Every structure is written in structure tokens, then in C-alpha cells.
């Protein structure tokens, strides 16, 4: 299963995933790093949308770890919600990955489509 992660949070999310054995609920989990959602210290709305759409186009996608600001997450949220992909936003990559893996183990997040 794939978790899409914005660039600034990806390294720490990957470390946390590796620390936990890259598995939860008997599923292999991998992080896919996305391009940065900022350009010259401003939000790049086109990139935010492209990142969210990329996650929705992958049938193995189970979550999106992204947008650190409410303004950015408001832009990606409707795209992700339409595909039933939960977004973990406004927290560190470590916290987001911890929460996602716990949600997988407890059945609050599940794979989309057929495995």
C-alpha cells in the first residue's frame, strides 16, 4: 500500500515507517515522496492539486501526508475526499506516519478497491 508524502515531511515519515518495519495490519506500506508544495516560500496551488491528484490516481494509495498549513490542506482536501483518501495534515511526518499506522492497525483506514 502507498502513502503519498509531501517533500518537506517525507524523510521523517520514511524513517518512522522503516522503524516500524514498513508494515501494519499485515499490509506492506511504502512512502512515495511528492514534490514540494511551496515555491519561493509561497504556496504552489497547482503543485498541491497535482500532488493530491497523483495520490488519487494510484489504486494502492491509502493515505496522504501533506500540507502543513490549513490554507493548503483546504485546497487538497476535496480532491482527496472524492477518492476516500484520508489526509494527515498540520503535523510532523513522524506524527502523521505513527497515526496512519495506528489507524491501519485499528481498522480506521483501509485499502481502497480490491487487494
PDB file of N, CA and C in Angstrom:
ATOM      1  N   UNK A   1       0.824  -1.160   0.000  1.00  0.00           N
ATOM      2  CA  UNK A   1       0.000   0.000   0.000  1.00  0.00           C
ATOM      3  C   UNK A   1       0.884   1.245   0.000  1.00  0.00           C
ATOM      4  N   UNK A   2       0.417   2.287  -0.653  1.00  0.00           N
ATOM      5  CA  UNK A   2       1.203   3.509  -0.822  1.00  0.00           C
ATOM      6  C   UNK A   2       0.658   4.646   0.032  1.00  0.00           C
ATOM      7  N   UNK A   3       1.588   5.399   0.582  1.00  0.00           N
ATOM      8  CA  UNK A   3       1.271   6.623   1.313  1.00  0.00           C
ATOM      9  C   UNK A   3       2.019   7.738   0.609  1.00  0.00           C
ATOM     10  N   UNK A   4       1.306   8.727   0.138  1.00  0.00           N
ATOM     11  CA  UNK A   4       1.919   9.858  -0.548  1.00  0.00           C
ATOM     12  C   UNK A   4       2.268  10.926   0.474  1.00  0.00           C
ATOM     13  N   UNK A   5       3.508  11.439   0.394  1.00  0.00           N
ATOM     14  CA  UNK A   5       4.023  12.362   1.402  1.00  0.00           C
ATOM     15  C   UNK A   5       4.682  13.555   0.714  1.00  0.00           C
ATOM     16  N   UNK A   6       4.302  14.776   1.125  1.00  0.00           N
ATOM     17  CA  UNK A   6       4.928  15.968   0.551  1.00  0.00           C
ATOM     18  C   UNK A   6       6.397  16.030   0.962  1.00  0.00           C
ATOM     19  N   UNK A   7       7.211  16.603   0.104  1.00  0.00           N
ATOM     20  CA  UNK A   7       8.671  16.613   0.241  1.00  0.00           C
ATOM     21  C   UNK A   7       9.185  17.016   1.624  1.00  0.00           C
ATOM     22  N   UNK A   8       8.717  18.115   2.214  1.00  0.00           N
ATOM     23  CA  UNK A   8       9.308  18.524   3.487  1.00  0.00           C
ATOM     24  C   UNK A   8       9.096  17.519   4.631  1.00  0.00           C
ATOM     25  N   UNK A   9       8.124  16.635   4.497  1.00  0.00           N
ATOM     26  CA  UNK A   9       7.820  15.680   5.563  1.00  0.00           C
ATOM     27  C   UNK A   9       8.273  14.261   5.231  1.00  0.00           C
ATOM     28  N   UNK A  10       8.739  14.053   4.023  1.00  0.00           N
ATOM     29  CA  UNK A  10       8.975  12.697   3.540  1.00  0.00           C
ATOM     30  C   UNK A  10      10.096  11.961   4.278  1.00  0.00           C
ATOM     31  N   UNK A  11      11.227  12.597   4.494  1.00  0.00           N
ATOM     32  CA  UNK A  11      12.361  11.908   5.122  1.00  0.00           C
ATOM     33  C   UNK A  11      11.988  11.382   6.506  1.00  0.00           C
ATOM     34  N   UNK A  12      11.337  12.207   7.298  1.00  0.00           N
ATOM     35  CA  UNK A  12      10.991  11.741   8.646  1.00  0.00           C
ATOM     36  C   UNK A  12       9.873  10.705   8.610  1.00  0.00           C
ATOM     37  N   UNK A  13       8.940  10.823   7.665  1.00  0.00           N
ATOM     38  CA  UNK A  13       7.889   9.815   7.525  1.00  0.00           C
ATOM     39  C   UNK A  13       8.497   8.480   7.119  1.00  0.00           C
ATOM     40  N   UNK A  14       9.462   8.517   6.194  1.00  0.00           N
ATOM     41  CA  UNK A  14      10.134   7.287   5.757  1.00  0.00           C
ATOM     42  C   UNK A  14      10.906   6.645   6.903  1.00  0.00           C
ATOM     43  N   UNK A  15      11.593   7.457   7.703  1.00  0.00           N
ATOM     44  CA  UNK A  15      12.331   6.913   8.853  1.00  0.00           C
ATOM     45  C   UNK A  15      11.393   6.230   9.836  1.00  0.00           C
ATOM     46  N   UNK A  16      10.259   6.857  10.104  1.00  0.00           N
ATOM     47  CA  UNK A  16       9.293   6.263  11.036  1.00  0.00           C
ATOM     48  C   UNK A  16       8.713   4.971  10.468  1.00  0.00           C
ATOM     49  N   UNK A  17       8.428   4.970   9.193  1.00  0.00           N
ATOM     50  CA  UNK A  17       7.905   3.771   8.547  1.00  0.00           C
ATOM     51  C   UNK A  17       8.932   2.635   8.636  1.00  0.00           C
ATOM     52  N   UNK A  18      10.194   2.932   8.360  1.00  0.00           N
ATOM     53  CA  UNK A  18      11.255   1.918   8.440  1.00  0.00           C
ATOM     54  C   UNK A  18      11.418   1.422   9.874  1.00  0.00           C
ATOM     55  N   UNK A  19      11.349   2.340  10.818  1.00  0.00           N
ATOM     56  CA  UNK A  19      11.485   1.973  12.235  1.00  0.00           C
ATOM     57  C   UNK A  19      10.409   0.973  12.644  1.00  0.00           C
ATOM     58  N   UNK A  20       9.252   1.082  12.042  1.00  0.00           N
ATOM     59  CA  UNK A  20       8.130   0.198  12.369  1.00  0.00           C
ATOM     60  C   UNK A  20       8.016  -1.006  11.440  1.00  0.00           C
ATOM     61  N   UNK A  21       9.024  -1.210  10.616  1.00  0.00           N
ATOM     62  CA  UNK A  21       9.048  -2.395   9.768  1.00  0.00           C
ATOM     63  C   UNK A  21       8.249  -2.293   8.491  1.00  0.00           C
ATOM     64  N   UNK A  22       7.804  -1.106   8.133  1.00  0.00           N
ATOM     65  CA  UNK A  22       7.071  -0.858   6.883  1.00  0.00           C
ATOM     66  C   UNK A  22       5.862  -1.773   6.719  1.00  0.00           C
ATOM     67  N   UNK A  23       5.194  -2.065   7.827  1.00  0.00           N
ATOM     68  CA  UNK A  23       4.031  -2.937   7.771  1.00  0.00           C
ATOM     69  C   UNK A  23       3.032  -2.556   8.863  1.00  0.00           C
ATOM     70  N   UNK A  24       1.762  -2.710   8.529  1.00  0.00           N
ATOM     71  CA  UNK A  24       0.686  -2.510   9.504  1.00  0.00           C
ATOM     72  C   UNK A  24      -0.513  -3.311   9.035  1.00  0.00           C
ATOM     73  N   UNK A  25      -1.192  -3.935   9.954  1.00  0.00           N
ATOM     74  CA  UNK A  25      -2.381  -4.738   9.644  1.00  0.00           C
ATOM     75  C   UNK A  25      -2.094  -5.760   8.541  1.00  0.00           C
ATOM     76  N   UNK A  26      -0.919  -6.364   8.621  1.00  0.00           N
ATOM     77  CA  UNK A  26      -0.493  -7.373   7.639  1.00  0.00           C
ATOM     78  C   UNK A  26      -0.388  -6.830   6.216  1.00  0.00           C
ATOM     79  N   UNK A  27      -0.184  -5.543   6.078  1.00  0.00           N
ATOM     80  CA  UNK A  27      -0.010  -4.912   4.771  1.00  0.00           C
ATOM     81  C   UNK A  27       1.370  -4.270   4.702  1.00  0.00           C
ATOM     82  N   UNK A  28       2.053  -4.422   3.580  1.00  0.00           N
ATOM     83  CA  UNK A  28       3.306  -3.704   3.354  1.00  0.00           C
ATOM     84  C   UNK A  28       2.950  -2.268   2.983  1.00  0.00           C
ATOM     85  N   UNK A  29       3.629  -1.341   3.594  1.00  0.00           N
ATOM     86  CA  UNK A  29       3.356   0.079   3.381  1.00  0.00           C
ATOM     87  C   UNK A  29       4.632   0.736   2.863  1.00  0.00           C
ATOM     88  N   UNK A  30       4.481   1.585   1.852  1.00  0.00           N
ATOM     89  CA  UNK A  30       5.630   2.328   1.342  1.00  0.00           C
ATOM     90  C   UNK A  30       5.260   3.795   1.198  1.00  0.00           C
ATOM     91  N   UNK A  31       6.247   4.638   1.443  1.00  0.00           N
ATOM     92  CA  UNK A  31       6.062   6.078   1.294  1.00  0.00           C
ATOM     93  C   UNK A  31       6.537   6.500  -0.085  1.00  0.00           C
ATOM     94  N   UNK A  32       5.751   7.339  -0.722  1.00  0.00           N
ATOM     95  CA  UNK A  32       6.116   7.908  -2.016  1.00  0.00           C
ATOM     96  C   UNK A  32       6.240   9.418  -1.824  1.00  0.00           C
ATOM     97  N   UNK A  33       7.438   9.926  -2.061  1.00  0.00           N
ATOM     98  CA  UNK A  33       7.696  11.349  -1.858  1.00  0.00           C
ATOM     99  C   UNK A  33       7.190  12.168  -3.038  1.00  0.00           C
ATOM    100  N   UNK A  34       6.550  13.263  -2.711  1.00  0.00           N
ATOM    101  CA  UNK A  34       5.994  14.176  -3.708  1.00  0.00           C
ATOM    102  C   UNK A  34       6.832  15.447  -3.782  1.00  0.00           C
ATOM    103  N   UNK A  35       6.726  16.198  -4.858  1.00  0.00           N
ATOM    104  CA  UNK A  35       7.419  17.480  -4.947  1.00  0.00           C
ATOM    105  C   UNK A  35       6.914  18.459  -3.881  1.00  0.00           C
ATOM    106  N   UNK A  36       7.736  19.420  -3.576  1.00  0.00           N
ATOM    107  CA  UNK A  36       7.376  20.433  -2.580  1.00  0.00           C
ATOM    108  C   UNK A  36       6.142  21.208  -3.025  1.00  0.00           C
ATOM    109  N   UNK A  37       5.333  21.571  -2.049  1.00  0.00           N
ATOM    110  CA  UNK A  37       4.121  22.337  -2.318  1.00  0.00           C
ATOM    111  C   UNK A  37       4.348  23.840  -2.132  1.00  0.00           C
ATOM    112  N   UNK A  38       5.619  24.232  -2.030  1.00  0.00           N
ATOM    113  CA  UNK A  38       5.954  25.647  -1.889  1.00  0.00           C
ATOM    114  C   UNK A  38       6.892  26.072  -3.006  1.00  0.00           C
ATOM    115  N   UNK A  39       6.712  27.291  -3.446  1.00  0.00           N
ATOM    116  CA  UNK A  39       7.559  27.877  -4.465  1.00  0.00           C
ATOM    117  C   UNK A  39       7.919  29.279  -4.003  1.00  0.00           C
ATOM    118  N   UNK A  40       9.198  29.525  -3.822  1.00  0.00           N
ATOM    119  CA  UNK A  40       9.661  30.833  -3.338  1.00  0.00           C
ATOM    120  C   UNK A  40       8.938  31.235  -2.052  1.00  0.00           C
ATOM    121  N   UNK A  41       8.806  30.279  -1.150  1.00  0.00           N
ATOM    122  CA  UNK A  41       8.195  30.489   0.166  1.00  0.00           C
ATOM    123  C   UNK A  41       6.706  30.833   0.108  1.00  0.00           C
ATOM    124  N   UNK A  42       6.074  30.560  -1.008  1.00  0.00           N
ATOM    125  CA  UNK A  42       4.630  30.748  -1.157  1.00  0.00           C
ATOM    126  C   UNK A  42       4.026  29.405  -1.511  1.00  0.00           C
ATOM    127  N   UNK A  43       2.758  29.240  -1.202  1.00  0.00           N
ATOM    128  CA  UNK A  43       2.080  28.004  -1.577  1.00  0.00           C
ATOM    129  C   UNK A  43       1.949  27.918  -3.090  1.00  0.00           C
ATOM    130  N   UNK A  44       2.218  26.758  -3.615  1.00  0.00           N
ATOM    131  CA  UNK A  44       2.081  26.499  -5.048  1.00  0.00           C
ATOM    132  C   UNK A  44       0.807  25.672  -5.220  1.00  0.00           C
ATOM    133  N   UNK A  45      -0.319  26.355  -5.451  1.00  0.00           N
ATOM    134  CA  UNK A  45      -1.615  25.671  -5.518  1.00  0.00           C
ATOM    135  C   UNK A  45      -1.669  24.647  -6.640  1.00  0.00           C
ATOM    136  N   UNK A  46      -1.020  24.926  -7.751  1.00  0.00           N
ATOM    137  CA  UNK A  46      -1.003  23.951  -8.848  1.00  0.00           C
ATOM    138  C   UNK A  46      -0.291  22.675  -8.417  1.00  0.00           C
ATOM    139  N   UNK A  47       0.811  22.813  -7.675  1.00  0.00           N
ATOM    140  CA  UNK A  47       1.540  21.631  -7.209  1.00  0.00           C
ATOM    141  C   UNK A  47       0.748  20.882  -6.145  1.00  0.00           C
ATOM    142  N   UNK A  48       0.076  21.604  -5.269  1.00  0.00           N
ATOM    143  CA  UNK A  48      -0.764  20.960  -4.248  1.00  0.00           C
ATOM    144  C   UNK A  48      -1.831  20.108  -4.928  1.00  0.00           C
ATOM    145  N   UNK A  49      -2.482  20.684  -5.920  1.00  0.00           N
ATOM    146  CA  UNK A  49      -3.506  19.936  -6.656  1.00  0.00           C
ATOM    147  C   UNK A  49      -2.925  18.744  -7.389  1.00  0.00           C
ATOM    148  N   UNK A  50      -1.778  18.930  -8.022  1.00  0.00           N
ATOM    149  CA  UNK A  50      -1.137  17.824  -8.751  1.00  0.00           C
ATOM    150  C   UNK A  50      -0.740  16.704  -7.798  1.00  0.00           C
ATOM    151  N   UNK A  51      -0.213  17.059  -6.631  1.00  0.00           N
ATOM    152  CA  UNK A  51       0.169  16.050  -5.644  1.00  0.00           C
ATOM    153  C   UNK A  51      -1.046  15.248  -5.186  1.00  0.00           C
ATOM    154  N   UNK A  52      -2.125  15.944  -4.862  1.00  0.00           N
ATOM    155  CA  UNK A  52      -3.340  15.259  -4.399  1.00  0.00           C
ATOM    156  C   UNK A  52      -3.908  14.366  -5.503  1.00  0.00           C
ATOM    157  N   UNK A  53      -3.929  14.872  -6.722  1.00  0.00           N
ATOM    158  CA  UNK A  53      -4.439  14.059  -7.837  1.00  0.00           C
ATOM    159  C   UNK A  53      -3.572  12.831  -8.071  1.00  0.00           C
ATOM    160  N   UNK A  54      -2.271  12.978  -7.918  1.00  0.00           N
ATOM    161  CA  UNK A  54      -1.379  11.821  -8.096  1.00  0.00           C
ATOM    162  C   UNK A  54      -1.737  10.715  -7.104  1.00  0.00           C
ATOM    163  N   UNK A  55      -2.021  11.097  -5.877  1.00  0.00           N
ATOM    164  CA  UNK A  55      -2.411  10.100  -4.864  1.00  0.00           C
ATOM    165  C   UNK A  55      -3.727   9.431  -5.233  1.00  0.00           C
ATOM    166  N   UNK A  56      -4.655  10.195  -5.807  1.00  0.00           N
ATOM    167  CA  UNK A  56      -5.966   9.615  -6.144  1.00  0.00           C
ATOM    168  C   UNK A  56      -5.891   8.676  -7.335  1.00  0.00           C
ATOM    169  N   UNK A  57      -4.894   8.863  -8.188  1.00  0.00           N
ATOM    170  CA  UNK A  57      -4.767   8.032  -9.389  1.00  0.00           C
ATOM    171  C   UNK A  57      -4.129   6.675  -9.108  1.00  0.00           C
ATOM    172  N   UNK A  58      -3.613   6.474  -7.925  1.00  0.00           N
ATOM    173  CA  UNK A  58      -2.945   5.224  -7.553  1.00  0.00           C
ATOM    174  C   UNK A  58      -3.913   4.379  -6.733  1.00  0.00           C
ATOM    175  N   UNK A  59      -4.320   3.252  -7.273  1.00  0.00           N
ATOM    176  CA  UNK A  59      -5.295   2.408  -6.572  1.00  0.00           C
ATOM    177  C   UNK A  59      -4.731   1.793  -5.295  1.00  0.00           C
ATOM    178  N   UNK A  60      -3.400   1.827  -5.120  1.00  0.00           N
ATOM    179  CA  UNK A  60      -2.810   1.293  -3.892  1.00  0.00           C
ATOM    180  C   UNK A  60      -2.657   2.367  -2.812  1.00  0.00           C
ATOM    181  N   UNK A  61      -3.066   3.589  -3.124  1.00  0.00           N
ATOM    182  CA  UNK A  61      -2.937   4.701  -2.183  1.00  0.00           C
ATOM    183  C   UNK A  61      -3.910   4.551  -1.018  1.00  0.00           C
ATOM    184  N   UNK A  62      -3.377   4.649   0.197  1.00  0.00           N
ATOM    185  CA  UNK A  62      -4.233   4.543   1.383  1.00  0.00           C
ATOM    186  C   UNK A  62      -4.263   5.823   2.196  1.00  0.00           C
ATOM    187  N   UNK A  63      -3.315   6.747   1.952  1.00  0.00           N
ATOM    188  CA  UNK A  63      -3.296   7.985   2.735  1.00  0.00           C
ATOM    189  C   UNK A  63      -2.396   9.020   2.067  1.00  0.00           C
ATOM    190  N   UNK A  64      -2.563  10.239   2.537  1.00  0.00           N
ATOM    191  CA  UNK A  64      -1.800  11.382   2.034  1.00  0.00           C
ATOM    192  C   UNK A  64      -1.300  12.155   3.242  1.00  0.00           C
ATOM    193  N   UNK A  65       0.014  12.260   3.362  1.00  0.00           N
ATOM    194  CA  UNK A  65       0.620  13.038   4.442  1.00  0.00           C
ATOM    195  C   UNK A  65       1.098  14.323   3.797  1.00  0.00           C
ATOM    196  N   UNK A  66       0.458  15.403   4.186  1.00  0.00           N
ATOM    197  CA  UNK A  66       0.781  16.601   3.451  1.00  0.00           C
ATOM    198  C   UNK A  66       0.575  17.890   4.174  1.00  0.00           C
ATOM    199  N   UNK A  67       0.169  18.789   3.408  1.00  0.00           N
ATOM    200  CA  UNK A  67       0.007  20.187   3.718  1.00  0.00           C
ATOM    201  C   UNK A  67       0.146  20.532   5.202  1.00  0.00           C
ATOM    202  N   UNK A  68       1.108  21.394   5.427  1.00  0.00           N
ATOM    203  CA  UNK A  68       1.405  21.810   6.800  1.00  0.00           C
ATOM    204  C   UNK A  68       0.547  22.986   7.241  1.00  0.00           C
ATOM    205  N   UNK A  69      -0.138  23.638   6.307  1.00  0.00           N
ATOM    206  CA  UNK A  69      -0.981  24.775   6.673  1.00  0.00           C
ATOM    207  C   UNK A  69      -2.434  24.470   6.351  1.00  0.00           C
ATOM    208  N   UNK A  70      -3.328  25.131   7.062  1.00  0.00           N
ATOM    209  CA  UNK A  70      -4.765  24.933   6.809  1.00  0.00           C
ATOM    210  C   UNK A  70      -5.148  25.399   5.413  1.00  0.00           C
ATOM    211  N   UNK A  71      -4.539  26.497   4.962  1.00  0.00           N
ATOM    212  CA  UNK A  71      -4.858  27.008   3.621  1.00  0.00           C
ATOM    213  C   UNK A  71      -4.533  25.962   2.566  1.00  0.00           C
ATOM    214  N   UNK A  72      -3.398  25.335   2.680  1.00  0.00           N
ATOM    215  CA  UNK A  72      -3.004  24.320   1.702  1.00  0.00           C
ATOM    216  C   UNK A  72      -3.870  23.076   1.812  1.00  0.00           C
ATOM    217  N   UNK A  73      -4.146  22.629   3.029  1.00  0.00           N
ATOM    218  CA  UNK A  73      -4.949  21.412   3.188  1.00  0.00           C
ATOM    219  C   UNK A  73      -6.384  21.626   2.729  1.00  0.00           C
ATOM    220  N   UNK A  74      -6.894  22.838   2.829  1.00  0.00           N
ATOM    221  CA  UNK A  74      -8.242  23.118   2.314  1.00  0.00           C
ATOM    222  C   UNK A  74      -8.295  22.934   0.803  1.00  0.00           C
ATOM    223  N   UNK A  75      -7.175  23.167   0.134  1.00  0.00           N
ATOM    224  CA  UNK A  75      -7.130  23.024  -1.316  1.00  0.00           C
ATOM    225  C   UNK A  75      -7.041  21.552  -1.731  1.00  0.00           C
ATOM    226  N   UNK A  76      -6.265  20.753  -1.014  1.00  0.00           N
ATOM    227  CA  UNK A  76      -6.106  19.335  -1.373  1.00  0.00           C
ATOM    228  C   UNK A  76      -7.232  18.462  -0.830  1.00  0.00           C
ATOM    229  N   UNK A  77      -7.855  18.890   0.230  1.00  0.00           N
ATOM    230  CA  UNK A  77      -8.883  18.069   0.899  1.00  0.00           C
ATOM    231  C   UNK A  77     -10.016  17.594  -0.015  1.00  0.00           C
ATOM    232  N   UNK A  78     -10.665  18.456  -0.799  1.00  0.00           N
ATOM    233  CA  UNK A  78     -11.765  17.964  -1.634  1.00  0.00           C
ATOM    234  C   UNK A  78     -11.315  16.935  -2.676  1.00  0.00           C
ATOM    235  N   UNK A  79     -10.103  17.094  -3.192  1.00  0.00           N
ATOM    236  CA  UNK A  79      -9.580  16.142  -4.174  1.00  0.00           C
ATOM    237  C   UNK A  79      -9.416  14.775  -3.519  1.00  0.00           C
ATOM    238  N   UNK A  80      -8.836  14.760  -2.339  1.00  0.00           N
ATOM    239  CA  UNK A  80      -8.591  13.504  -1.621  1.00  0.00           C
ATOM    240  C   UNK A  80      -9.887  12.880  -1.115  1.00  0.00           C
ATOM    241  N   UNK A  81     -10.783  13.711  -0.607  1.00  0.00           N
ATOM    242  CA  UNK A  81     -12.068  13.190  -0.102  1.00  0.00           C
ATOM    243  C   UNK A  81     -12.865  12.501  -1.199  1.00  0.00           C
ATOM    244  N   UNK A  82     -12.819  13.038  -2.410  1.00  0.00           N
ATOM    245  CA  UNK A  82     -13.568  12.444  -3.521  1.00  0.00           C
ATOM    246  C   UNK A  82     -13.105  11.020  -3.800  1.00  0.00           C
ATOM    247  N   UNK A  83     -11.866  10.703  -3.447  1.00  0.00           N
ATOM    248  CA  UNK A  83     -11.317   9.364  -3.663  1.00  0.00           C
ATOM    249  C   UNK A  83     -11.243   8.559  -2.362  1.00  0.00           C
ATOM    250  N   UNK A  84     -11.823   9.076  -1.292  1.00  0.00           N
ATOM    251  CA  UNK A  84     -11.795   8.411   0.023  1.00  0.00           C
ATOM    252  C   UNK A  84     -10.377   8.152   0.521  1.00  0.00           C
ATOM    253  N   UNK A  85      -9.506   9.120   0.324  1.00  0.00           N
ATOM    254  CA  UNK A  85      -8.136   9.024   0.821  1.00  0.00           C
ATOM    255  C   UNK A  85      -8.003   9.972   2.003  1.00  0.00           C
ATOM    256  N   UNK A  86      -7.703   9.441   3.191  1.00  0.00           N
ATOM    257  CA  UNK A  86      -7.542  10.324   4.348  1.00  0.00           C
ATOM    258  C   UNK A  86      -6.266  11.153   4.244  1.00  0.00           C
ATOM    259  N   UNK A  87      -6.357  12.372   4.743  1.00  0.00           N
ATOM    260  CA  UNK A  87      -5.218  13.275   4.745  1.00  0.00           C
ATOM    261  C   UNK A  87      -4.760  13.489   6.180  1.00  0.00           C
ATOM    262  N   UNK A  88      -3.472  13.359   6.402  1.00  0.00           N
ATOM    263  CA  UNK A  88      -2.865  13.654   7.686  1.00  0.00           C
ATOM    264  C   UNK A  88      -2.079  14.939   7.484  1.00  0.00           C
ATOM    265  N   UNK A  89      -2.605  16.035   7.994  1.00  0.00           N
ATOM    266  CA  UNK A  89      -2.019  17.341   7.722  1.00  0.00           C
ATOM    267  C   UNK A  89      -1.818  18.131   9.000  1.00  0.00           C
ATOM    268  N   UNK A  90      -0.926  19.103   8.918  1.00  0.00           N
ATOM    269  CA  UNK A  90      -0.706  20.012  10.029  1.00  0.00           C
ATOM    270  C   UNK A  90       0.112  19.413  11.167  1.00  0.00           C
ATOM    271  N   UNK A  91       0.736  18.255  10.941  1.00  0.00           N
ATOM    272  CA  UNK A  91       1.576  17.618  11.953  1.00  0.00           C
ATOM    273  C   UNK A  91       2.866  17.157  11.278  1.00  0.00           C
ATOM    274  N   UNK A  92       3.822  16.737  12.073  1.00  0.00           N
ATOM    275  CA  UNK A  92       5.101  16.292  11.511  1.00  0.00           C
ATOM    276  C   UNK A  92       4.936  14.992  10.736  1.00  0.00           C
ATOM    277  N   UNK A  93       5.933  14.681   9.920  1.00  0.00           N
ATOM    278  CA  UNK A  93       5.918  13.429   9.179  1.00  0.00           C
ATOM    279  C   UNK A  93       5.928  12.220  10.098  1.00  0.00           C
ATOM    280  N   UNK A  94       6.657  12.310  11.211  1.00  0.00           N
ATOM    281  CA  UNK A  94       6.702  11.217  12.186  1.00  0.00           C
ATOM    282  C   UNK A  94       5.321  11.016  12.807  1.00  0.00           C
ATOM    283  N   UNK A  95       4.724  12.106  13.289  1.00  0.00           N
ATOM    284  CA  UNK A  95       3.397  12.006  13.908  1.00  0.00           C
ATOM    285  C   UNK A  95       2.364  11.470  12.925  1.00  0.00           C
ATOM    286  N   UNK A  96       2.420  11.959  11.695  1.00  0.00           N
ATOM    287  CA  UNK A  96       1.452  11.529  10.686  1.00  0.00           C
ATOM    288  C   UNK A  96       1.596  10.034  10.385  1.00  0.00           C
ATOM    289  N   UNK A  97       2.835   9.565  10.223  1.00  0.00           N
ATOM    290  CA  UNK A  97       3.045   8.151   9.929  1.00  0.00           C
ATOM    291  C   UNK A  97       2.637   7.286  11.122  1.00  0.00           C
ATOM    292  N   UNK A  98       2.959   7.726  12.335  1.00  0.00           N
ATOM    293  CA  UNK A  98       2.536   6.990  13.533  1.00  0.00           C
ATOM    294  C   UNK A  98       1.026   6.853  13.562  1.00  0.00           C
ATOM    295  N   UNK A  99       0.330   7.965  13.341  1.00  0.00           N
ATOM    296  CA  UNK A  99      -1.134   7.968  13.387  1.00  0.00           C
ATOM    297  C   UNK A  99      -1.705   7.087  12.285  1.00  0.00           C
ATOM    298  N   UNK A 100      -1.160   7.190  11.078  1.00  0.00           N
ATOM    299  CA  UNK A 100      -1.645   6.367   9.979  1.00  0.00           C
ATOM    300  C   UNK A 100      -1.485   4.880  10.286  1.00  0.00           C
ATOM    301  N   UNK A 101      -0.310   4.468  10.746  1.00  0.00           N
ATOM    302  CA  UNK A 101      -0.082   3.049  11.034  1.00  0.00           C
ATOM    303  C   UNK A 101      -1.001   2.554  12.138  1.00  0.00           C
ATOM    304  N   UNK A 102      -1.246   3.393  13.135  1.00  0.00           N
ATOM    305  CA  UNK A 102      -2.180   3.028  14.194  1.00  0.00           C
ATOM    306  C   UNK A 102      -3.598   2.912  13.629  1.00  0.00           C
ATOM    307  N   UNK A 103      -3.974   3.849  12.773  1.00  0.00           N
ATOM    308  CA  UNK A 103      -5.304   3.805  12.156  1.00  0.00           C
ATOM    309  C   UNK A 103      -5.478   2.554  11.293  1.00  0.00           C
ATOM    310  N   UNK A 104      -4.424   2.143  10.607  1.00  0.00           N
ATOM    311  CA  UNK A 104      -4.476   0.906   9.823  1.00  0.00           C
ATOM    312  C   UNK A 104      -4.685  -0.301  10.738  1.00  0.00           C
ATOM    313  N   UNK A 105      -3.894  -0.369  11.796  1.00  0.00           N
ATOM    314  CA  UNK A 105      -3.992  -1.486  12.740  1.00  0.00           C
ATOM    315  C   UNK A 105      -5.382  -1.563  13.372  1.00  0.00           C
ATOM    316  N   UNK A 106      -5.974  -0.421  13.643  1.00  0.00           N
ATOM    317  CA  UNK A 106      -7.272  -0.381  14.321  1.00  0.00           C
ATOM    318  C   UNK A 106      -8.453  -0.344  13.360  1.00  0.00           C
ATOM    319  N   UNK A 107      -8.180  -0.426  12.061  1.00  0.00           N
ATOM    320  CA  UNK A 107      -9.253  -0.512  11.071  1.00  0.00           C
ATOM    321  C   UNK A 107      -9.921   0.803  10.719  1.00  0.00           C
ATOM    322  N   UNK A 108      -9.339   1.924  11.128  1.00  0.00           N
ATOM    323  CA  UNK A 108      -9.940   3.228  10.777  1.00  0.00           C
ATOM    324  C   UNK A 108      -9.551   3.662   9.378  1.00  0.00           C
ATOM    325  N   UNK A 109      -8.518   3.045   8.821  1.00  0.00           N
ATOM    326  CA  UNK A 109      -8.080   3.272   7.443  1.00  0.00           C
ATOM    327  C   UNK A 109      -7.981   1.901   6.809  1.00  0.00           C
ATOM    328  N   UNK A 110      -8.478   1.814   5.583  1.00  0.00           N
ATOM    329  CA  UNK A 110      -8.412   0.529   4.885  1.00  0.00           C
ATOM    330  C   UNK A 110      -8.042   0.746   3.430  1.00  0.00           C
ATOM    331  N   UNK A 111      -7.513  -0.286   2.804  1.00  0.00           N
ATOM    332  CA  UNK A 111      -7.155  -0.168   1.387  1.00  0.00           C
ATOM    333  C   UNK A 111      -8.377   0.131   0.532  1.00  0.00           C
ATOM    334  N   UNK A 112      -8.149   0.874  -0.535  1.00  0.00           N
ATOM    335  CA  UNK A 112      -9.222   1.168  -1.494  1.00  0.00           C
ATOM    336  C   UNK A 112      -9.299   0.035  -2.497  1.00  0.00           C
ATOM    337  N   UNK A 113     -10.467  -0.260  -2.970  1.00  0.00           N
ATOM    338  CA  UNK A 113     -10.626  -1.266  -4.033  1.00  0.00           C
ATOM    339  C   UNK A 113     -10.281  -2.660  -3.560  1.00  0.00           C
ATOM    340  N   UNK A 114      -9.942  -3.489  -4.497  1.00  0.00           N
ATOM    341  CA  UNK A 114      -9.628  -4.891  -4.197  1.00  0.00           C
ATOM    342  C   UNK A 114      -8.128  -5.080  -4.058  1.00  0.00           C
ATOM    343  N   UNK A 115      -7.729  -5.930  -3.148  1.00  0.00           N
ATOM    344  CA  UNK A 115      -6.317  -6.283  -2.991  1.00  0.00           C
ATOM    345  C   UNK A 115      -5.993  -7.501  -3.801  1.00  0.00           C
TER     346      UNK A 115
END
